[in-house]
């Protein structure tokens, strides 16, 4: 999903909720590989990670490299960040009190470090 598709989905969310008559299904608002995976605990716990594992997103506004930084945790283990190039909208959502949920979309140990784990982010229902 590119940025334009992300923004279109985000703008249509209120309308889709208005017309929804059935049980809500998780709607992916963002998907990407974990940035910085090789620099944190990712490779140490790679064998423990599975598709659909719940992740925690945590804003890190005092990060010296990126004031919009969003850390990604699996249980208490930091595995990296939402990529800097894409974190503006998600950071603003978190800062505004909008609850987001993240899950592992895919784990591919054979890939280079920066492509080993892909995550999906959802609006918390």
PDB file of N, CA and C in Angstrom:
ATOM      1  N   UNK A   1       0.841  -1.167   0.000  1.00  0.00           N
ATOM      2  CA  UNK A   1       0.000   0.000   0.000  1.00  0.00           C
ATOM      3  C   UNK A   1       0.893   1.238   0.000  1.00  0.00           C
ATOM      4  N   UNK A   2       0.686   2.095  -0.979  1.00  0.00           N
ATOM      5  CA  UNK A   2       1.481   3.321  -1.024  1.00  0.00           C
ATOM      6  C   UNK A   2       0.795   4.426  -0.229  1.00  0.00           C
ATOM      7  N   UNK A   3       1.441   5.564  -0.137  1.00  0.00           N
ATOM      8  CA  UNK A   3       0.914   6.656   0.695  1.00  0.00           C
ATOM      9  C   UNK A   3      -0.441   7.154   0.222  1.00  0.00           C
ATOM     10  N   UNK A   4      -0.624   7.260  -1.096  1.00  0.00           N
ATOM     11  CA  UNK A   4      -1.890   7.746  -1.627  1.00  0.00           C
ATOM     12  C   UNK A   4      -3.019   6.793  -1.255  1.00  0.00           C
ATOM     13  N   UNK A   5      -2.796   5.493  -1.428  1.00  0.00           N
ATOM     14  CA  UNK A   5      -3.810   4.507  -1.050  1.00  0.00           C
ATOM     15  C   UNK A   5      -4.106   4.580   0.445  1.00  0.00           C
ATOM     16  N   UNK A   6      -3.055   4.769   1.257  1.00  0.00           N
ATOM     17  CA  UNK A   6      -3.209   4.885   2.703  1.00  0.00           C
ATOM     18  C   UNK A   6      -4.113   6.065   3.046  1.00  0.00           C
ATOM     19  N   UNK A   7      -3.840   7.222   2.449  1.00  0.00           N
ATOM     20  CA  UNK A   7      -4.637   8.410   2.727  1.00  0.00           C
ATOM     21  C   UNK A   7      -6.083   8.232   2.253  1.00  0.00           C
ATOM     22  N   UNK A   8      -6.275   7.602   1.100  1.00  0.00           N
ATOM     23  CA  UNK A   8      -7.623   7.358   0.602  1.00  0.00           C
ATOM     24  C   UNK A   8      -8.392   6.453   1.568  1.00  0.00           C
ATOM     25  N   UNK A   9      -7.731   5.393   2.030  1.00  0.00           N
ATOM     26  CA  UNK A   9      -8.371   4.488   2.985  1.00  0.00           C
ATOM     27  C   UNK A   9      -8.713   5.217   4.271  1.00  0.00           C
ATOM     28  N   UNK A  10      -7.800   6.045   4.739  1.00  0.00           N
ATOM     29  CA  UNK A  10      -8.002   6.778   5.984  1.00  0.00           C
ATOM     30  C   UNK A  10      -9.184   7.730   5.865  1.00  0.00           C
ATOM     31  N   UNK A  11      -9.294   8.407   4.736  1.00  0.00           N
ATOM     32  CA  UNK A  11     -10.391   9.349   4.540  1.00  0.00           C
ATOM     33  C   UNK A  11     -11.735   8.648   4.383  1.00  0.00           C
ATOM     34  N   UNK A  12     -11.739   7.414   3.888  1.00  0.00           N
ATOM     35  CA  UNK A  12     -12.983   6.675   3.688  1.00  0.00           C
ATOM     36  C   UNK A  12     -13.440   5.921   4.936  1.00  0.00           C
ATOM     37  N   UNK A  13     -12.593   5.803   5.944  1.00  0.00           N
ATOM     38  CA  UNK A  13     -12.958   5.035   7.144  1.00  0.00           C
ATOM     39  C   UNK A  13     -14.257   5.501   7.799  1.00  0.00           C
ATOM     40  N   UNK A  14     -14.482   6.807   7.992  1.00  0.00           N
ATOM     41  CA  UNK A  14     -15.746   7.206   8.625  1.00  0.00           C
ATOM     42  C   UNK A  14     -16.966   6.772   7.818  1.00  0.00           C
ATOM     43  N   UNK A  15     -16.874   6.820   6.500  1.00  0.00           N
ATOM     44  CA  UNK A  15     -17.995   6.397   5.659  1.00  0.00           C
ATOM     45  C   UNK A  15     -18.243   4.906   5.731  1.00  0.00           C
ATOM     46  N   UNK A  16     -17.158   4.119   5.753  1.00  0.00           N
ATOM     47  CA  UNK A  16     -17.334   2.671   5.806  1.00  0.00           C
ATOM     48  C   UNK A  16     -17.953   2.266   7.136  1.00  0.00           C
ATOM     49  N   UNK A  17     -17.617   2.954   8.218  1.00  0.00           N
ATOM     50  CA  UNK A  17     -18.222   2.648   9.512  1.00  0.00           C
ATOM     51  C   UNK A  17     -19.693   3.041   9.540  1.00  0.00           C
ATOM     52  N   UNK A  18     -20.069   4.115   8.846  1.00  0.00           N
ATOM     53  CA  UNK A  18     -21.449   4.571   8.805  1.00  0.00           C
ATOM     54  C   UNK A  18     -22.356   3.550   8.119  1.00  0.00           C
ATOM     55  N   UNK A  19     -21.868   2.938   7.032  1.00  0.00           N
ATOM     56  CA  UNK A  19     -22.676   2.000   6.268  1.00  0.00           C
ATOM     57  C   UNK A  19     -22.520   0.551   6.714  1.00  0.00           C
ATOM     58  N   UNK A  20     -21.694   0.282   7.670  1.00  0.00           N
ATOM     59  CA  UNK A  20     -21.429  -1.093   8.102  1.00  0.00           C
ATOM     60  C   UNK A  20     -22.627  -1.641   8.862  1.00  0.00           C
ATOM     61  N   UNK A  21     -23.064  -2.849   8.474  1.00  0.00           N
ATOM     62  CA  UNK A  21     -24.183  -3.489   9.167  1.00  0.00           C
ATOM     63  C   UNK A  21     -23.768  -4.784   9.837  1.00  0.00           C
ATOM     64  N   UNK A  22     -22.622  -5.314   9.492  1.00  0.00           N
ATOM     65  CA  UNK A  22     -22.165  -6.565  10.086  1.00  0.00           C
ATOM     66  C   UNK A  22     -21.029  -6.300  11.063  1.00  0.00           C
ATOM     67  N   UNK A  23     -20.516  -7.371  11.645  1.00  0.00           N
ATOM     68  CA  UNK A  23     -19.408  -7.260  12.584  1.00  0.00           C
ATOM     69  C   UNK A  23     -18.199  -6.681  11.864  1.00  0.00           C
ATOM     70  N   UNK A  24     -17.525  -5.689  12.463  1.00  0.00           N
ATOM     71  CA  UNK A  24     -16.369  -5.088  11.789  1.00  0.00           C
ATOM     72  C   UNK A  24     -15.226  -6.077  11.627  1.00  0.00           C
ATOM     73  N   UNK A  25     -14.585  -6.000  10.478  1.00  0.00           N
ATOM     74  CA  UNK A  25     -13.400  -6.804  10.201  1.00  0.00           C
ATOM     75  C   UNK A  25     -12.192  -5.888  10.287  1.00  0.00           C
ATOM     76  N   UNK A  26     -11.068  -6.436  10.705  1.00  0.00           N
ATOM     77  CA  UNK A  26      -9.868  -5.605  10.806  1.00  0.00           C
ATOM     78  C   UNK A  26      -9.543  -5.006   9.443  1.00  0.00           C
ATOM     79  N   UNK A  27      -9.306  -3.725   9.438  1.00  0.00           N
ATOM     80  CA  UNK A  27      -8.982  -3.011   8.204  1.00  0.00           C
ATOM     81  C   UNK A  27      -7.550  -2.499   8.300  1.00  0.00           C
ATOM     82  N   UNK A  28      -6.702  -3.002   7.431  1.00  0.00           N
ATOM     83  CA  UNK A  28      -5.306  -2.582   7.421  1.00  0.00           C
ATOM     84  C   UNK A  28      -5.225  -1.142   6.936  1.00  0.00           C
ATOM     85  N   UNK A  29      -4.570  -0.288   7.743  1.00  0.00           N
ATOM     86  CA  UNK A  29      -4.373   1.105   7.316  1.00  0.00           C
ATOM     87  C   UNK A  29      -2.921   1.360   6.930  1.00  0.00           C
ATOM     88  N   UNK A  30      -2.041   0.405   7.257  1.00  0.00           N
ATOM     89  CA  UNK A  30      -0.623   0.563   6.923  1.00  0.00           C
ATOM     90  C   UNK A  30       0.041  -0.799   6.975  1.00  0.00           C
ATOM     91  N   UNK A  31       0.993  -1.013   6.083  1.00  0.00           N
ATOM     92  CA  UNK A  31       1.740  -2.266   6.054  1.00  0.00           C
ATOM     93  C   UNK A  31       3.162  -1.973   5.574  1.00  0.00           C
ATOM     94  N   UNK A  32       4.151  -2.517   6.297  1.00  0.00           N
ATOM     95  CA  UNK A  32       5.547  -2.304   5.909  1.00  0.00           C
ATOM     96  C   UNK A  32       6.453  -3.260   6.665  1.00  0.00           C
ATOM     97  N   UNK A  33       7.685  -3.347   6.197  1.00  0.00           N
ATOM     98  CA  UNK A  33       8.698  -4.116   6.916  1.00  0.00           C
ATOM     99  C   UNK A  33       9.211  -3.276   8.085  1.00  0.00           C
ATOM    100  N   UNK A  34       9.639  -3.954   9.144  1.00  0.00           N
ATOM    101  CA  UNK A  34      10.145  -3.290  10.338  1.00  0.00           C
ATOM    102  C   UNK A  34      11.498  -2.656  10.032  1.00  0.00           C
ATOM    103  N   UNK A  35      11.615  -1.365  10.296  1.00  0.00           N
ATOM    104  CA  UNK A  35      12.882  -0.648  10.101  1.00  0.00           C
ATOM    105  C   UNK A  35      13.788  -0.880  11.308  1.00  0.00           C
ATOM    106  N   UNK A  36      15.078  -1.047  11.066  1.00  0.00           N
ATOM    107  CA  UNK A  36      16.043  -1.203  12.150  1.00  0.00           C
ATOM    108  C   UNK A  36      16.018  -2.557  12.832  1.00  0.00           C
ATOM    109  N   UNK A  37      15.386  -3.523  12.218  1.00  0.00           N
ATOM    110  CA  UNK A  37      15.235  -4.860  12.811  1.00  0.00           C
ATOM    111  C   UNK A  37      16.567  -5.438  13.276  1.00  0.00           C
ATOM    112  N   UNK A  38      17.605  -5.228  12.500  1.00  0.00           N
ATOM    113  CA  UNK A  38      18.921  -5.806  12.802  1.00  0.00           C
ATOM    114  C   UNK A  38      19.624  -5.129  13.969  1.00  0.00           C
ATOM    115  N   UNK A  39      19.147  -3.950  14.382  1.00  0.00           N
ATOM    116  CA  UNK A  39      19.829  -3.201  15.433  1.00  0.00           C
ATOM    117  C   UNK A  39      19.257  -3.436  16.834  1.00  0.00           C
ATOM    118  N   UNK A  40      18.144  -4.120  16.919  1.00  0.00           N
ATOM    119  CA  UNK A  40      17.498  -4.318  18.217  1.00  0.00           C
ATOM    120  C   UNK A  40      17.420  -5.819  18.508  1.00  0.00           C
ATOM    121  N   UNK A  41      16.365  -6.281  19.124  1.00  0.00           N
ATOM    122  CA  UNK A  41      16.287  -7.678  19.549  1.00  0.00           C
ATOM    123  C   UNK A  41      15.685  -8.610  18.498  1.00  0.00           C
ATOM    124  N   UNK A  42      15.386  -8.088  17.338  1.00  0.00           N
ATOM    125  CA  UNK A  42      14.708  -8.851  16.303  1.00  0.00           C
ATOM    126  C   UNK A  42      15.347 -10.184  15.958  1.00  0.00           C
ATOM    127  N   UNK A  43      16.623 -10.163  15.609  1.00  0.00           N
ATOM    128  CA  UNK A  43      17.282 -11.409  15.206  1.00  0.00           C
ATOM    129  C   UNK A  43      17.424 -12.394  16.364  1.00  0.00           C
ATOM    130  N   UNK A  44      17.501 -11.889  17.601  1.00  0.00           N
ATOM    131  CA  UNK A  44      17.613 -12.774  18.771  1.00  0.00           C
ATOM    132  C   UNK A  44      16.337 -13.567  19.013  1.00  0.00           C
ATOM    133  N   UNK A  45      15.188 -12.965  18.678  1.00  0.00           N
ATOM    134  CA  UNK A  45      13.909 -13.627  18.952  1.00  0.00           C
ATOM    135  C   UNK A  45      13.168 -14.038  17.680  1.00  0.00           C
ATOM    136  N   UNK A  46      13.831 -13.977  16.547  1.00  0.00           N
ATOM    137  CA  UNK A  46      13.195 -14.243  15.255  1.00  0.00           C
ATOM    138  C   UNK A  46      12.424 -15.561  15.241  1.00  0.00           C
ATOM    139  N   UNK A  47      12.991 -16.607  15.820  1.00  0.00           N
ATOM    140  CA  UNK A  47      12.351 -17.927  15.804  1.00  0.00           C
ATOM    141  C   UNK A  47      11.071 -17.961  16.643  1.00  0.00           C
ATOM    142  N   UNK A  48      10.877 -16.985  17.517  1.00  0.00           N
ATOM    143  CA  UNK A  48       9.682 -16.940  18.352  1.00  0.00           C
ATOM    144  C   UNK A  48       8.533 -16.169  17.700  1.00  0.00           C
ATOM    145  N   UNK A  49       8.850 -15.397  16.677  1.00  0.00           N
ATOM    146  CA  UNK A  49       7.847 -14.564  16.018  1.00  0.00           C
ATOM    147  C   UNK A  49       7.002 -15.382  15.050  1.00  0.00           C
ATOM    148  N   UNK A  50       5.698 -15.089  15.046  1.00  0.00           N
ATOM    149  CA  UNK A  50       4.766 -15.796  14.160  1.00  0.00           C
ATOM    150  C   UNK A  50       3.780 -14.820  13.536  1.00  0.00           C
ATOM    151  N   UNK A  51       3.249 -15.222  12.410  1.00  0.00           N
ATOM    152  CA  UNK A  51       2.221 -14.435  11.752  1.00  0.00           C
ATOM    153  C   UNK A  51       1.056 -14.219  12.721  1.00  0.00           C
ATOM    154  N   UNK A  52       0.500 -13.029  12.711  1.00  0.00           N
ATOM    155  CA  UNK A  52      -0.629 -12.606  13.545  1.00  0.00           C
ATOM    156  C   UNK A  52      -0.290 -12.347  15.014  1.00  0.00           C
ATOM    157  N   UNK A  53       0.985 -12.451  15.390  1.00  0.00           N
ATOM    158  CA  UNK A  53       1.360 -12.057  16.749  1.00  0.00           C
ATOM    159  C   UNK A  53       1.033 -10.577  16.930  1.00  0.00           C
ATOM    160  N   UNK A  54       0.491 -10.243  18.092  1.00  0.00           N
ATOM    161  CA  UNK A  54       0.151  -8.852  18.403  1.00  0.00           C
ATOM    162  C   UNK A  54       1.415  -8.103  18.797  1.00  0.00           C
ATOM    163  N   UNK A  55       1.538  -6.899  18.275  1.00  0.00           N
ATOM    164  CA  UNK A  55       2.679  -6.026  18.552  1.00  0.00           C
ATOM    165  C   UNK A  55       2.191  -4.762  19.255  1.00  0.00           C
ATOM    166  N   UNK A  56       3.088  -4.090  19.938  1.00  0.00           N
ATOM    167  CA  UNK A  56       2.769  -2.829  20.589  1.00  0.00           C
ATOM    168  C   UNK A  56       3.508  -1.705  19.879  1.00  0.00           C
ATOM    169  N   UNK A  57       2.785  -0.641  19.592  1.00  0.00           N
ATOM    170  CA  UNK A  57       3.372   0.559  18.993  1.00  0.00           C
ATOM    171  C   UNK A  57       3.523   1.603  20.085  1.00  0.00           C
ATOM    172  N   UNK A  58       4.674   2.244  20.128  1.00  0.00           N
ATOM    173  CA  UNK A  58       4.939   3.238  21.160  1.00  0.00           C
ATOM    174  C   UNK A  58       5.648   4.441  20.550  1.00  0.00           C
ATOM    175  N   UNK A  59       5.049   5.620  20.749  1.00  0.00           N
ATOM    176  CA  UNK A  59       5.678   6.841  20.242  1.00  0.00           C
ATOM    177  C   UNK A  59       6.947   7.137  21.010  1.00  0.00           C
ATOM    178  N   UNK A  60       7.938   7.636  20.301  1.00  0.00           N
ATOM    179  CA  UNK A  60       9.203   8.039  20.895  1.00  0.00           C
ATOM    180  C   UNK A  60       9.535   9.448  20.384  1.00  0.00           C
ATOM    181  N   UNK A  61       8.809  10.469  20.891  1.00  0.00           N
ATOM    182  CA  UNK A  61       8.961  11.831  20.359  1.00  0.00           C
ATOM    183  C   UNK A  61      10.323  12.454  20.632  1.00  0.00           C
ATOM    184  N   UNK A  62      11.069  11.929  21.576  1.00  0.00           N
ATOM    185  CA  UNK A  62      12.390  12.488  21.883  1.00  0.00           C
ATOM    186  C   UNK A  62      13.529  11.770  21.163  1.00  0.00           C
ATOM    187  N   UNK A  63      13.197  10.958  20.178  1.00  0.00           N
ATOM    188  CA  UNK A  63      14.212  10.267  19.393  1.00  0.00           C
ATOM    189  C   UNK A  63      15.065  11.313  18.670  1.00  0.00           C
ATOM    190  N   UNK A  64      16.384  11.234  18.811  1.00  0.00           N
ATOM    191  CA  UNK A  64      17.240  12.282  18.233  1.00  0.00           C
ATOM    192  C   UNK A  64      17.337  12.224  16.713  1.00  0.00           C
ATOM    193  N   UNK A  65      16.936  11.122  16.104  1.00  0.00           N
ATOM    194  CA  UNK A  65      16.996  10.993  14.645  1.00  0.00           C
ATOM    195  C   UNK A  65      15.652  11.276  13.974  1.00  0.00           C
ATOM    196  N   UNK A  66      14.558  11.085  14.732  1.00  0.00           N
ATOM    197  CA  UNK A  66      13.230  11.224  14.134  1.00  0.00           C
ATOM    198  C   UNK A  66      12.221  11.569  15.226  1.00  0.00           C
ATOM    199  N   UNK A  67      11.723  12.789  15.225  1.00  0.00           N
ATOM    200  CA  UNK A  67      10.767  13.206  16.263  1.00  0.00           C
ATOM    201  C   UNK A  67       9.399  12.531  16.115  1.00  0.00           C
ATOM    202  N   UNK A  68       9.175  11.855  14.983  1.00  0.00           N
ATOM    203  CA  UNK A  68       7.921  11.135  14.766  1.00  0.00           C
ATOM    204  C   UNK A  68       8.091   9.624  14.961  1.00  0.00           C
ATOM    205  N   UNK A  69       9.176   9.202  15.559  1.00  0.00           N
ATOM    206  CA  UNK A  69       9.511   7.782  15.691  1.00  0.00           C
ATOM    207  C   UNK A  69       8.413   6.990  16.412  1.00  0.00           C
ATOM    208  N   UNK A  70       8.160   5.791  15.886  1.00  0.00           N
ATOM    209  CA  UNK A  70       7.204   4.863  16.495  1.00  0.00           C
ATOM    210  C   UNK A  70       7.917   3.524  16.662  1.00  0.00           C
ATOM    211  N   UNK A  71       8.149   3.153  17.922  1.00  0.00           N
ATOM    212  CA  UNK A  71       8.808   1.891  18.227  1.00  0.00           C
ATOM    213  C   UNK A  71       7.818   0.737  18.074  1.00  0.00           C
ATOM    214  N   UNK A  72       8.366  -0.432  17.734  1.00  0.00           N
ATOM    215  CA  UNK A  72       7.558  -1.647  17.629  1.00  0.00           C
ATOM    216  C   UNK A  72       8.105  -2.665  18.620  1.00  0.00           C
ATOM    217  N   UNK A  73       7.209  -3.182  19.469  1.00  0.00           N
ATOM    218  CA  UNK A  73       7.582  -4.181  20.461  1.00  0.00           C
ATOM    219  C   UNK A  73       6.800  -5.469  20.259  1.00  0.00           C
ATOM    220  N   UNK A  74       7.486  -6.593  20.423  1.00  0.00           N
ATOM    221  CA  UNK A  74       6.848  -7.903  20.533  1.00  0.00           C
ATOM    222  C   UNK A  74       7.038  -8.305  21.986  1.00  0.00           C
ATOM    223  N   UNK A  75       5.928  -8.387  22.706  1.00  0.00           N
ATOM    224  CA  UNK A  75       5.978  -8.569  24.158  1.00  0.00           C
ATOM    225  C   UNK A  75       6.837  -7.441  24.725  1.00  0.00           C
ATOM    226  N   UNK A  76       7.902  -7.720  25.426  1.00  0.00           N
ATOM    227  CA  UNK A  76       8.743  -6.636  25.961  1.00  0.00           C
ATOM    228  C   UNK A  76       9.993  -6.402  25.123  1.00  0.00           C
ATOM    229  N   UNK A  77      10.071  -7.033  23.960  1.00  0.00           N
ATOM    230  CA  UNK A  77      11.260  -6.971  23.110  1.00  0.00           C
ATOM    231  C   UNK A  77      11.082  -5.950  21.986  1.00  0.00           C
ATOM    232  N   UNK A  78      11.975  -4.980  21.948  1.00  0.00           N
ATOM    233  CA  UNK A  78      11.946  -3.994  20.862  1.00  0.00           C
ATOM    234  C   UNK A  78      12.506  -4.650  19.607  1.00  0.00           C
ATOM    235  N   UNK A  79      11.709  -4.620  18.530  1.00  0.00           N
ATOM    236  CA  UNK A  79      12.186  -5.225  17.281  1.00  0.00           C
ATOM    237  C   UNK A  79      12.491  -4.183  16.202  1.00  0.00           C
ATOM    238  N   UNK A  80      12.157  -2.926  16.447  1.00  0.00           N
ATOM    239  CA  UNK A  80      12.489  -1.887  15.472  1.00  0.00           C
ATOM    240  C   UNK A  80      11.474  -0.760  15.476  1.00  0.00           C
ATOM    241  N   UNK A  81      11.284  -0.160  14.299  1.00  0.00           N
ATOM    242  CA  UNK A  81      10.446   1.029  14.143  1.00  0.00           C
ATOM    243  C   UNK A  81       9.560   0.934  12.904  1.00  0.00           C
ATOM    244  N   UNK A  82       8.487   1.726  12.918  1.00  0.00           N
ATOM    245  CA  UNK A  82       7.763   2.022  11.684  1.00  0.00           C
ATOM    246  C   UNK A  82       8.741   2.846  10.844  1.00  0.00           C
ATOM    247  N   UNK A  83       8.897   2.554   9.544  1.00  0.00           N
ATOM    248  CA  UNK A  83       9.859   3.305   8.733  1.00  0.00           C
ATOM    249  C   UNK A  83       9.636   4.825   8.789  1.00  0.00           C
ATOM    250  N   UNK A  84      10.722   5.554   8.934  1.00  0.00           N
ATOM    251  CA  UNK A  84      10.696   7.009   9.066  1.00  0.00           C
ATOM    252  C   UNK A  84       9.962   7.685   7.909  1.00  0.00           C
ATOM    253  N   UNK A  85      10.117   7.175   6.720  1.00  0.00           N
ATOM    254  CA  UNK A  85       9.511   7.806   5.547  1.00  0.00           C
ATOM    255  C   UNK A  85       7.982   7.756   5.581  1.00  0.00           C
ATOM    256  N   UNK A  86       7.422   6.870   6.402  1.00  0.00           N
ATOM    257  CA  UNK A  86       5.973   6.660   6.395  1.00  0.00           C
ATOM    258  C   UNK A  86       5.288   6.934   7.726  1.00  0.00           C
ATOM    259  N   UNK A  87       5.991   7.476   8.719  1.00  0.00           N
ATOM    260  CA  UNK A  87       5.411   7.503  10.062  1.00  0.00           C
ATOM    261  C   UNK A  87       4.636   8.773  10.433  1.00  0.00           C
ATOM    262  N   UNK A  88       4.580   9.755   9.574  1.00  0.00           N
ATOM    263  CA  UNK A  88       3.946  11.030   9.917  1.00  0.00           C
ATOM    264  C   UNK A  88       2.485  10.865  10.338  1.00  0.00           C
ATOM    265  N   UNK A  89       1.685  10.229   9.511  1.00  0.00           N
ATOM    266  CA  UNK A  89       0.249  10.107   9.797  1.00  0.00           C
ATOM    267  C   UNK A  89       0.013   9.227  11.013  1.00  0.00           C
ATOM    268  N   UNK A  90       0.715   8.100  11.096  1.00  0.00           N
ATOM    269  CA  UNK A  90       0.539   7.216  12.248  1.00  0.00           C
ATOM    270  C   UNK A  90       0.957   7.913  13.547  1.00  0.00           C
ATOM    271  N   UNK A  91       2.051   8.667  13.509  1.00  0.00           N
ATOM    272  CA  UNK A  91       2.498   9.404  14.701  1.00  0.00           C
ATOM    273  C   UNK A  91       1.445  10.429  15.115  1.00  0.00           C
ATOM    274  N   UNK A  92       0.879  11.147  14.152  1.00  0.00           N
ATOM    275  CA  UNK A  92      -0.166  12.123  14.463  1.00  0.00           C
ATOM    276  C   UNK A  92      -1.408  11.448  15.043  1.00  0.00           C
ATOM    277  N   UNK A  93      -1.748  10.280  14.507  1.00  0.00           N
ATOM    278  CA  UNK A  93      -2.891   9.539  15.037  1.00  0.00           C
ATOM    279  C   UNK A  93      -2.645   9.135  16.487  1.00  0.00           C
ATOM    280  N   UNK A  94      -1.476   8.574  16.762  1.00  0.00           N
ATOM    281  CA  UNK A  94      -1.145   8.173  18.133  1.00  0.00           C
ATOM    282  C   UNK A  94      -1.115   9.383  19.065  1.00  0.00           C
ATOM    283  N   UNK A  95      -0.530  10.479  18.608  1.00  0.00           N
ATOM    284  CA  UNK A  95      -0.461  11.695  19.420  1.00  0.00           C
ATOM    285  C   UNK A  95      -1.850  12.280  19.703  1.00  0.00           C
ATOM    286  N   UNK A  96      -2.794  12.004  18.821  1.00  0.00           N
ATOM    287  CA  UNK A  96      -4.166  12.499  18.993  1.00  0.00           C
ATOM    288  C   UNK A  96      -5.018  11.562  19.836  1.00  0.00           C
ATOM    289  N   UNK A  97      -4.427  10.468  20.292  1.00  0.00           N
ATOM    290  CA  UNK A  97      -5.163   9.527  21.135  1.00  0.00           C
ATOM    291  C   UNK A  97      -5.907   8.451  20.381  1.00  0.00           C
ATOM    292  N   UNK A  98      -5.666   8.341  19.095  1.00  0.00           N
ATOM    293  CA  UNK A  98      -6.316   7.285  18.313  1.00  0.00           C
ATOM    294  C   UNK A  98      -5.576   5.978  18.582  1.00  0.00           C
ATOM    295  N   UNK A  99      -6.322   4.967  18.995  1.00  0.00           N
ATOM    296  CA  UNK A  99      -5.723   3.677  19.337  1.00  0.00           C
ATOM    297  C   UNK A  99      -5.440   2.871  18.068  1.00  0.00           C
ATOM    298  N   UNK A 100      -4.205   2.439  17.924  1.00  0.00           N
ATOM    299  CA  UNK A 100      -3.802   1.610  16.792  1.00  0.00           C
ATOM    300  C   UNK A 100      -3.356   0.255  17.300  1.00  0.00           C
ATOM    301  N   UNK A 101      -3.576  -0.752  16.484  1.00  0.00           N
ATOM    302  CA  UNK A 101      -3.141  -2.103  16.804  1.00  0.00           C
ATOM    303  C   UNK A 101      -2.211  -2.557  15.680  1.00  0.00           C
ATOM    304  N   UNK A 102      -1.227  -3.359  16.023  1.00  0.00           N
ATOM    305  CA  UNK A 102      -0.307  -3.883  15.013  1.00  0.00           C
ATOM    306  C   UNK A 102      -0.168  -5.388  15.198  1.00  0.00           C
ATOM    307  N   UNK A 103       0.015  -6.071  14.080  1.00  0.00           N
ATOM    308  CA  UNK A 103       0.235  -7.513  14.087  1.00  0.00           C
ATOM    309  C   UNK A 103       1.297  -7.858  13.053  1.00  0.00           C
ATOM    310  N   UNK A 104       1.958  -8.974  13.266  1.00  0.00           N
ATOM    311  CA  UNK A 104       2.924  -9.461  12.283  1.00  0.00           C
ATOM    312  C   UNK A 104       2.165 -10.013  11.096  1.00  0.00           C
ATOM    313  N   UNK A 105       2.497  -9.512   9.920  1.00  0.00           N
ATOM    314  CA  UNK A 105       1.886 -10.019   8.686  1.00  0.00           C
ATOM    315  C   UNK A 105       2.674 -11.210   8.159  1.00  0.00           C
ATOM    316  N   UNK A 106       4.007 -11.124   8.224  1.00  0.00           N
ATOM    317  CA  UNK A 106       4.843 -12.202   7.688  1.00  0.00           C
ATOM    318  C   UNK A 106       6.199 -12.205   8.366  1.00  0.00           C
ATOM    319  N   UNK A 107       6.754 -13.403   8.517  1.00  0.00           N
ATOM    320  CA  UNK A 107       8.114 -13.591   9.029  1.00  0.00           C
ATOM    321  C   UNK A 107       8.857 -14.394   7.980  1.00  0.00           C
ATOM    322  N   UNK A 108       9.957 -13.839   7.469  1.00  0.00           N
ATOM    323  CA  UNK A 108      10.737 -14.500   6.414  1.00  0.00           C
ATOM    324  C   UNK A 108      12.216 -14.473   6.792  1.00  0.00           C
ATOM    325  N   UNK A 109      12.656 -15.481   7.575  1.00  0.00           N
ATOM    326  CA  UNK A 109      14.041 -15.518   8.064  1.00  0.00           C
ATOM    327  C   UNK A 109      15.101 -15.496   6.971  1.00  0.00           C
ATOM    328  N   UNK A 110      14.755 -15.968   5.778  1.00  0.00           N
ATOM    329  CA  UNK A 110      15.720 -16.036   4.682  1.00  0.00           C
ATOM    330  C   UNK A 110      15.968 -14.675   4.033  1.00  0.00           C
ATOM    331  N   UNK A 111      15.111 -13.709   4.299  1.00  0.00           N
ATOM    332  CA  UNK A 111      15.251 -12.380   3.698  1.00  0.00           C
ATOM    333  C   UNK A 111      16.364 -11.574   4.374  1.00  0.00           C
ATOM    334  N   UNK A 112      16.822 -10.511   3.714  1.00  0.00           N
ATOM    335  CA  UNK A 112      17.769  -9.593   4.375  1.00  0.00           C
ATOM    336  C   UNK A 112      17.112  -9.022   5.640  1.00  0.00           C
ATOM    337  N   UNK A 113      17.928  -8.567   6.586  1.00  0.00           N
ATOM    338  CA  UNK A 113      17.415  -8.095   7.875  1.00  0.00           C
ATOM    339  C   UNK A 113      16.263  -7.106   7.753  1.00  0.00           C
ATOM    340  N   UNK A 114      16.357  -6.169   6.841  1.00  0.00           N
ATOM    341  CA  UNK A 114      15.352  -5.119   6.723  1.00  0.00           C
ATOM    342  C   UNK A 114      14.056  -5.605   6.081  1.00  0.00           C
ATOM    343  N   UNK A 115      14.006  -6.891   5.669  1.00  0.00           N
ATOM    344  CA  UNK A 115      12.786  -7.447   5.076  1.00  0.00           C
ATOM    345  C   UNK A 115      12.325  -8.733   5.774  1.00  0.00           C
ATOM    346  N   UNK A 116      12.864  -9.019   6.945  1.00  0.00           N
ATOM    347  CA  UNK A 116      12.527 -10.276   7.626  1.00  0.00           C
ATOM    348  C   UNK A 116      11.130 -10.280   8.234  1.00  0.00           C
ATOM    349  N   UNK A 117      10.680  -9.137   8.745  1.00  0.00           N
ATOM    350  CA  UNK A 117       9.371  -9.081   9.402  1.00  0.00           C
ATOM    351  C   UNK A 117       8.551  -7.938   8.819  1.00  0.00           C
ATOM    352  N   UNK A 118       7.350  -8.285   8.372  1.00  0.00           N
ATOM    353  CA  UNK A 118       6.423  -7.281   7.857  1.00  0.00           C
ATOM    354  C   UNK A 118       5.266  -7.159   8.841  1.00  0.00           C
ATOM    355  N   UNK A 119       4.812  -5.941   9.087  1.00  0.00           N
ATOM    356  CA  UNK A 119       3.725  -5.691  10.025  1.00  0.00           C
ATOM    357  C   UNK A 119       2.558  -4.999   9.348  1.00  0.00           C
ATOM    358  N   UNK A 120       1.380  -5.248   9.887  1.00  0.00           N
ATOM    359  CA  UNK A 120       0.168  -4.524   9.502  1.00  0.00           C
ATOM    360  C   UNK A 120      -0.260  -3.684  10.693  1.00  0.00           C
ATOM    361  N   UNK A 121      -0.777  -2.492  10.413  1.00  0.00           N
ATOM    362  CA  UNK A 121      -1.327  -1.622  11.449  1.00  0.00           C
ATOM    363  C   UNK A 121      -2.804  -1.430  11.157  1.00  0.00           C
ATOM    364  N   UNK A 122      -3.611  -1.510  12.214  1.00  0.00           N
ATOM    365  CA  UNK A 122      -5.064  -1.405  12.131  1.00  0.00           C
ATOM    366  C   UNK A 122      -5.554  -0.341  13.098  1.00  0.00           C
ATOM    367  N   UNK A 123      -6.713   0.216  12.809  1.00  0.00           N
ATOM    368  CA  UNK A 123      -7.404   1.017  13.806  1.00  0.00           C
ATOM    369  C   UNK A 123      -7.950   0.045  14.829  1.00  0.00           C
ATOM    370  N   UNK A 124      -7.732   0.323  16.105  1.00  0.00           N
ATOM    371  CA  UNK A 124      -8.217  -0.578  17.141  1.00  0.00           C
ATOM    372  C   UNK A 124      -9.732  -0.497  17.200  1.00  0.00           C
ATOM    373  N   UNK A 125     -10.369  -1.669  17.173  1.00  0.00           N
ATOM    374  CA  UNK A 125     -11.847  -1.665  17.173  1.00  0.00           C
ATOM    375  C   UNK A 125     -12.407  -1.867  18.550  1.00  0.00           C
TER     376      UNK A 125
END
